[in-house]
Protein backbone atom coordinates (compact mmCIF):
# COMPACT_ATOMS: atom_id res chain seq x y z
CA MET A 1 -0.03 0.00 -0.02
CA THR A 2 1.33 3.40 -0.93
CA LEU A 3 1.92 6.23 1.56
CA TYR A 4 -0.82 8.21 -0.10
CA ALA A 5 -3.35 5.39 0.32
CA TRP A 6 -2.43 4.86 3.93
CA LEU A 7 -2.73 8.60 4.72
CA THR A 8 -6.04 9.06 2.95
CA GLY A 9 -7.37 5.80 4.46
CA ALA A 10 -6.50 7.11 7.96
CA TRP A 11 -7.97 10.51 7.10
CA ILE A 12 -11.20 8.97 5.92
CA ALA A 13 -11.38 6.74 8.96
CA VAL A 14 -10.97 9.67 11.35
CA LEU A 15 -13.63 11.70 9.44
CA TRP A 16 -16.14 8.91 9.40
CA PHE A 17 -15.51 7.41 12.78
CA PHE A 18 -15.87 10.72 14.66
CA THR A 19 -18.85 11.98 12.61
CA LEU A 20 -20.90 8.75 12.34
CA GLY A 21 -19.48 6.88 15.26
CA VAL A 22 -18.49 9.06 18.19
CA THR A 23 -21.05 11.85 17.80
CA ARG A 24 -23.94 9.52 16.99
CA VAL A 25 -23.23 7.53 20.21
CA LEU A 26 -22.86 10.72 22.28
CA PHE A 27 -26.20 12.09 21.19
CA ALA A 28 -27.86 8.76 21.60
CA VAL A 29 -26.54 8.11 25.13
CA PHE A 30 -26.39 11.64 26.73
CA PRO A 31 -28.87 14.48 26.98
CA ARG A 32 -28.41 16.88 23.99
CA GLU A 33 -26.70 19.62 26.00
CA ARG A 34 -24.23 17.22 27.66
CA ALA A 35 -23.49 15.42 24.38
CA GLY A 36 -22.79 18.81 22.79
CA GLU A 37 -20.37 19.64 25.59
CA ILE A 38 -18.59 16.39 25.22
CA ALA A 39 -18.39 16.71 21.41
CA THR A 40 -17.03 20.25 21.75
CA ALA A 41 -14.34 19.01 24.15
CA LEU A 42 -13.32 16.37 21.53
CA PHE A 43 -13.31 18.76 18.59
CA PRO A 44 -9.67 19.92 18.95
CA ALA A 45 -8.28 16.44 18.79
CA TYR A 46 -10.58 15.52 15.88
CA PHE A 47 -9.71 18.63 13.79
CA ILE A 48 -5.98 18.47 14.52
CA THR A 49 -5.80 14.79 13.59
CA ALA A 50 -7.94 15.17 10.44
CA ILE A 51 -6.15 18.33 9.26
CA LEU A 52 -2.67 16.85 9.79
CA LEU A 53 -3.55 13.61 7.99
CA GLY A 54 -5.16 15.59 5.18
CA LEU A 55 -2.21 17.90 4.92
CA ALA A 56 0.23 15.03 4.75
CA ALA A 57 -1.85 13.19 2.13
CA THR A 58 -2.28 16.36 0.05
CA VAL A 59 1.49 17.02 0.11
CA VAL A 60 2.25 13.49 -0.97
CA LEU A 61 -0.25 13.78 -3.78
CA ARG A 62 1.13 17.16 -4.84
CA PHE A 63 4.58 15.67 -5.35
CA ARG A 64 3.20 12.51 -7.17
CA LEU A 65 0.95 14.33 -9.74
CA ARG A 66 0.76 12.40 -12.89
CA ASP A 67 -2.26 13.58 -14.83
CA ARG A 68 -5.41 15.76 -14.93
CA ARG A 69 -7.32 13.31 -12.64
CA ASP A 70 -4.57 13.67 -9.97
CA ARG A 71 -4.90 17.43 -10.22
CA GLY A 72 -8.63 17.23 -9.80
CA ALA A 73 -8.16 15.00 -6.70
CA LEU A 74 -5.65 17.45 -5.38
CA ILE A 75 -8.12 20.30 -5.74
CA LEU A 76 -10.83 18.27 -3.91
CA GLN A 77 -8.43 17.48 -1.10
CA VAL A 78 -7.39 21.20 -0.71
CA LEU A 79 -11.04 22.14 -0.59
CA ALA A 80 -11.73 19.44 2.01
CA LEU A 81 -8.83 20.72 4.12
CA GLY A 82 -10.21 24.27 3.81
CA ALA A 83 -13.65 23.09 4.83
CA LEU A 84 -12.19 21.28 7.82
CA ALA A 85 -9.99 24.21 8.90
CA ALA A 86 -12.87 26.70 8.67
CA THR A 87 -14.61 25.10 11.52
CA PRO A 88 -12.00 25.46 14.34
CA LEU A 89 -10.63 28.70 12.88
CA ALA A 90 -13.88 30.60 12.21
CA LEU A 91 -17.07 28.76 13.08
CA GLN A 92 -16.28 27.39 16.53
CA PRO A 93 -15.15 30.80 17.84
CA ALA A 94 -18.35 32.29 16.43
CA LEU A 95 -20.41 29.45 17.90
CA ALA A 96 -18.95 30.01 21.31
CA LEU A 97 -20.42 33.51 21.26
CA GLN A 98 -23.86 32.16 20.60
CA THR A 99 -26.45 30.59 22.93
CA PRO A 100 -27.25 27.05 21.93
CA GLY A 101 -30.83 26.84 20.60
CA THR A 102 -30.84 30.31 18.96
CA PRO A 103 -31.36 30.77 15.25
CA GLU A 104 -27.83 32.12 14.81
CA PHE A 105 -26.31 29.11 16.66
CA ALA A 106 -28.38 26.79 14.43
CA ARG A 107 -27.25 28.63 11.30
CA LEU A 108 -23.55 28.43 12.23
CA HIS A 109 -23.89 24.83 13.34
CA GLY A 110 -25.56 23.98 10.03
CA ILE A 111 -22.67 25.51 8.08
CA SER A 112 -20.21 23.53 10.21
CA MET A 113 -22.09 20.38 9.54
CA ALA A 114 -22.26 21.11 5.79
CA LEU A 115 -18.49 21.68 5.61
CA ASN A 116 -17.85 18.44 7.44
CA LEU A 117 -20.23 16.54 5.17
CA PHE A 118 -18.38 17.95 2.18
CA SER A 119 -15.11 16.62 3.60
CA LEU A 120 -16.73 13.18 4.34
CA ILE A 121 -17.63 13.00 0.62
CA ALA A 122 -14.77 14.79 -1.06
CA VAL A 123 -11.83 12.89 0.55
CA PRO A 124 -13.05 9.39 -0.41
CA VAL A 125 -13.87 10.56 -3.96
CA ALA A 126 -10.44 12.09 -4.36
CA THR A 127 -8.84 8.91 -2.93
CA LEU A 128 -10.77 6.71 -5.37
CA VAL A 129 -9.84 8.81 -8.32
CA VAL A 130 -6.14 8.59 -7.48
CA CYS A 131 -6.08 4.93 -6.41
CA ALA A 132 -8.20 3.77 -9.40
CA ARG A 133 -5.82 5.48 -11.75
CA ARG A 134 -2.84 3.76 -10.07
CA LYS A 135 -4.28 0.45 -11.00
CA GLU A 136 -4.54 1.22 -14.77
């Protein structure tokens, strides 16, 4: 397995496990407010891990570009990294200023969820494009 495949596999695993595993369990087991507090406490580790894996995978891909499809995958990965970085850098500080349950909190939270969803989809698509090409 190539370094790129390992890095993107780990990146995808972190994204999907936290989003669909950890947060689903938290909100299923704890009251909404408490689950939100726990998820918020876990966010720094999640974002740091996801961003570092994504950055490493993107750097590896950048130096292994072979064709137009690789460039398209690189663009998708850069966009996914930007989407991930926007949450801890811009949205979480803005969310911290809002009261949970307010329309503004819901709007910012929705944007955060949409950016995360974009990454959940974009990273596997980019990986499939690159890895499928490698088999040709």
